[in-house]
N, C-alpha and C. Protein backbone atom coordinates (compact mmCIF):
# COMPACT_ATOMS: atom_id res chain seq x y z
N ARG A 1 -46.79 -26.26 -8.43
CA ARG A 1 -46.21 -27.48 -7.88
C ARG A 1 -44.81 -27.73 -8.40
N ALA A 2 -44.56 -27.30 -9.61
CA ALA A 2 -43.26 -27.56 -10.21
C ALA A 2 -42.16 -26.73 -9.58
N GLY A 3 -42.51 -25.67 -8.86
CA GLY A 3 -41.51 -24.84 -8.22
C GLY A 3 -40.63 -24.14 -9.23
N ILE A 4 -41.23 -23.53 -10.22
CA ILE A 4 -40.49 -22.86 -11.28
C ILE A 4 -39.56 -21.82 -10.67
N ARG A 5 -38.32 -21.82 -11.13
CA ARG A 5 -37.30 -20.92 -10.58
C ARG A 5 -37.74 -19.47 -10.58
N GLY A 6 -37.57 -18.84 -9.43
CA GLY A 6 -37.89 -17.43 -9.32
C GLY A 6 -39.37 -17.14 -9.14
N SER A 7 -40.18 -18.16 -9.03
CA SER A 7 -41.63 -17.95 -8.91
C SER A 7 -42.03 -17.77 -7.45
N HIS A 8 -43.22 -17.25 -7.27
CA HIS A 8 -43.80 -17.07 -5.93
C HIS A 8 -43.91 -18.42 -5.23
N THR A 9 -44.34 -19.44 -5.97
CA THR A 9 -44.52 -20.76 -5.36
C THR A 9 -43.20 -21.37 -4.91
N GLU A 10 -42.13 -21.11 -5.64
CA GLU A 10 -40.82 -21.62 -5.22
C GLU A 10 -40.35 -20.87 -3.98
N LYS A 11 -40.47 -19.57 -3.99
CA LYS A 11 -39.99 -18.74 -2.89
C LYS A 11 -40.64 -19.12 -1.57
N TYR A 12 -41.95 -19.37 -1.59
CA TYR A 12 -42.69 -19.66 -0.37
C TYR A 12 -43.01 -21.15 -0.20
N ASN A 13 -42.44 -21.99 -1.06
CA ASN A 13 -42.60 -23.45 -0.99
C ASN A 13 -44.08 -23.86 -0.99
N ILE A 14 -44.85 -23.28 -1.89
CA ILE A 14 -46.28 -23.57 -1.99
C ILE A 14 -46.48 -24.80 -2.86
N LYS A 15 -47.21 -25.77 -2.32
CA LYS A 15 -47.43 -27.03 -3.04
C LYS A 15 -48.90 -27.37 -3.22
N THR A 16 -49.80 -26.63 -2.57
CA THR A 16 -51.22 -26.98 -2.57
C THR A 16 -52.06 -25.83 -3.13
N LEU A 17 -52.90 -26.16 -4.09
CA LEU A 17 -53.86 -25.20 -4.63
C LEU A 17 -55.18 -25.40 -3.90
N VAL A 18 -55.66 -24.36 -3.22
CA VAL A 18 -56.88 -24.51 -2.43
C VAL A 18 -58.06 -23.75 -3.01
N TYR A 19 -57.83 -22.88 -4.01
CA TYR A 19 -58.92 -22.09 -4.58
C TYR A 19 -58.52 -21.60 -5.97
N PHE A 20 -59.47 -21.59 -6.87
CA PHE A 20 -59.27 -20.96 -8.17
C PHE A 20 -60.62 -20.60 -8.76
N GLU A 21 -60.61 -19.69 -9.70
CA GLU A 21 -61.82 -19.29 -10.42
C GLU A 21 -61.54 -19.41 -11.90
N VAL A 22 -62.57 -19.70 -12.67
CA VAL A 22 -62.45 -19.85 -14.12
C VAL A 22 -63.16 -18.69 -14.80
N TYR A 23 -62.50 -18.10 -15.78
CA TYR A 23 -63.07 -16.99 -16.54
C TYR A 23 -62.92 -17.25 -18.02
N GLN A 24 -63.88 -16.77 -18.79
CA GLN A 24 -63.83 -16.92 -20.24
C GLN A 24 -62.83 -15.92 -20.84
N GLU A 25 -62.80 -14.74 -20.30
CA GLU A 25 -61.94 -13.67 -20.82
C GLU A 25 -60.78 -13.40 -19.86
N PRO A 26 -59.56 -13.39 -20.36
CA PRO A 26 -58.40 -13.13 -19.50
C PRO A 26 -58.49 -11.79 -18.75
N ILE A 27 -59.04 -10.78 -19.37
CA ILE A 27 -59.12 -9.47 -18.72
C ILE A 27 -60.00 -9.55 -17.47
N ASP A 28 -61.04 -10.39 -17.50
CA ASP A 28 -61.89 -10.57 -16.33
C ASP A 28 -61.11 -11.22 -15.18
N ALA A 29 -60.26 -12.17 -15.51
CA ALA A 29 -59.43 -12.82 -14.49
C ALA A 29 -58.44 -11.83 -13.88
N VAL A 30 -57.86 -10.98 -14.72
CA VAL A 30 -56.92 -9.98 -14.24
C VAL A 30 -57.62 -9.00 -13.30
N HIS A 31 -58.80 -8.56 -13.68
CA HIS A 31 -59.55 -7.63 -12.82
C HIS A 31 -59.87 -8.27 -11.47
N GLN A 32 -60.29 -9.53 -11.47
CA GLN A 32 -60.60 -10.21 -10.22
C GLN A 32 -59.35 -10.39 -9.37
N GLU A 33 -58.23 -10.73 -9.99
CA GLU A 33 -56.99 -10.91 -9.24
C GLU A 33 -56.57 -9.60 -8.57
N ARG A 34 -56.67 -8.50 -9.29
CA ARG A 34 -56.34 -7.20 -8.72
C ARG A 34 -57.28 -6.84 -7.57
N ARG A 35 -58.54 -7.17 -7.75
CA ARG A 35 -59.53 -6.90 -6.69
C ARG A 35 -59.21 -7.70 -5.44
N LEU A 36 -58.90 -8.98 -5.61
CA LEU A 36 -58.60 -9.84 -4.45
C LEU A 36 -57.32 -9.42 -3.74
N LYS A 37 -56.36 -8.88 -4.46
CA LYS A 37 -55.11 -8.44 -3.84
C LYS A 37 -55.33 -7.32 -2.83
N ARG A 38 -56.42 -6.57 -3.00
CA ARG A 38 -56.72 -5.49 -2.07
C ARG A 38 -57.50 -5.97 -0.84
N TRP A 39 -57.98 -7.21 -0.88
CA TRP A 39 -58.76 -7.75 0.24
C TRP A 39 -57.87 -8.04 1.44
N ARG A 40 -58.46 -7.99 2.61
CA ARG A 40 -57.78 -8.42 3.82
C ARG A 40 -57.64 -9.93 3.81
N ARG A 41 -56.64 -10.43 4.52
CA ARG A 41 -56.38 -11.87 4.56
C ARG A 41 -57.61 -12.63 5.07
N ALA A 42 -58.30 -12.11 6.08
CA ALA A 42 -59.47 -12.79 6.64
C ALA A 42 -60.56 -12.96 5.58
N TRP A 43 -60.73 -11.97 4.72
CA TRP A 43 -61.74 -12.05 3.67
C TRP A 43 -61.37 -13.15 2.66
N LYS A 44 -60.07 -13.22 2.34
CA LYS A 44 -59.60 -14.26 1.41
C LYS A 44 -59.80 -15.64 2.02
N ASP A 45 -59.47 -15.77 3.31
CA ASP A 45 -59.66 -17.05 3.99
C ASP A 45 -61.13 -17.46 3.98
N GLN A 46 -62.01 -16.50 4.19
CA GLN A 46 -63.45 -16.77 4.18
C GLN A 46 -63.91 -17.23 2.79
N LEU A 47 -63.39 -16.60 1.75
CA LEU A 47 -63.71 -16.99 0.38
C LEU A 47 -63.28 -18.44 0.12
N ILE A 48 -62.07 -18.78 0.53
CA ILE A 48 -61.56 -20.15 0.35
C ILE A 48 -62.43 -21.14 1.11
N GLU A 49 -62.72 -20.83 2.38
CA GLU A 49 -63.48 -21.75 3.22
C GLU A 49 -64.92 -21.94 2.73
N SER A 50 -65.47 -20.94 2.04
CA SER A 50 -66.83 -21.12 1.51
C SER A 50 -66.85 -22.13 0.36
N ALA A 51 -65.75 -22.25 -0.36
CA ALA A 51 -65.68 -23.19 -1.49
C ALA A 51 -64.96 -24.48 -1.13
N ASN A 52 -64.04 -24.41 -0.17
CA ASN A 52 -63.19 -25.55 0.17
C ASN A 52 -62.93 -25.54 1.67
N PRO A 53 -63.90 -25.93 2.50
CA PRO A 53 -63.77 -25.79 3.95
C PRO A 53 -62.60 -26.55 4.56
N ASP A 54 -62.15 -27.62 3.93
CA ASP A 54 -61.03 -28.40 4.47
C ASP A 54 -59.68 -28.00 3.90
N TRP A 55 -59.67 -27.02 3.02
CA TRP A 55 -58.45 -26.53 2.38
C TRP A 55 -57.68 -27.68 1.71
N THR A 56 -58.41 -28.56 1.04
CA THR A 56 -57.78 -29.67 0.33
C THR A 56 -57.27 -29.21 -1.03
N ASP A 57 -56.35 -29.95 -1.59
CA ASP A 57 -55.78 -29.63 -2.89
C ASP A 57 -56.84 -29.81 -3.98
N VAL A 58 -57.07 -28.77 -4.76
CA VAL A 58 -58.09 -28.82 -5.83
C VAL A 58 -57.45 -28.74 -7.22
N SER A 59 -56.15 -28.96 -7.29
CA SER A 59 -55.48 -28.84 -8.59
C SER A 59 -55.99 -29.84 -9.62
N ASP A 60 -56.53 -30.96 -9.18
CA ASP A 60 -57.07 -31.96 -10.10
C ASP A 60 -58.43 -31.52 -10.69
N GLN A 61 -58.99 -30.45 -10.18
CA GLN A 61 -60.29 -29.97 -10.64
C GLN A 61 -60.18 -28.84 -11.68
N ILE A 62 -58.98 -28.44 -12.00
CA ILE A 62 -58.79 -27.37 -12.98
C ILE A 62 -59.23 -27.85 -14.34
N PRO A 63 -60.17 -27.16 -14.96
CA PRO A 63 -60.59 -27.56 -16.31
C PRO A 63 -59.53 -27.17 -17.35
N TYR A 64 -59.29 -28.05 -18.28
CA TYR A 64 -58.26 -27.77 -19.29
C TYR A 64 -58.86 -27.39 -20.60
């Protein structure tokens, strides 16, 4: 949301978080991110819609 200079979110003007996953170990998160990058867009959309059918902002649900 902050639009950090040079970031992906700034470049594409992304302001809404519609999906995230929580992991205990950073390496698990990295593996999942790499796996998802190989998915087709339709598969990613389906994953988002299964958890957030209205594509609403879920940034307030991030556990700290």
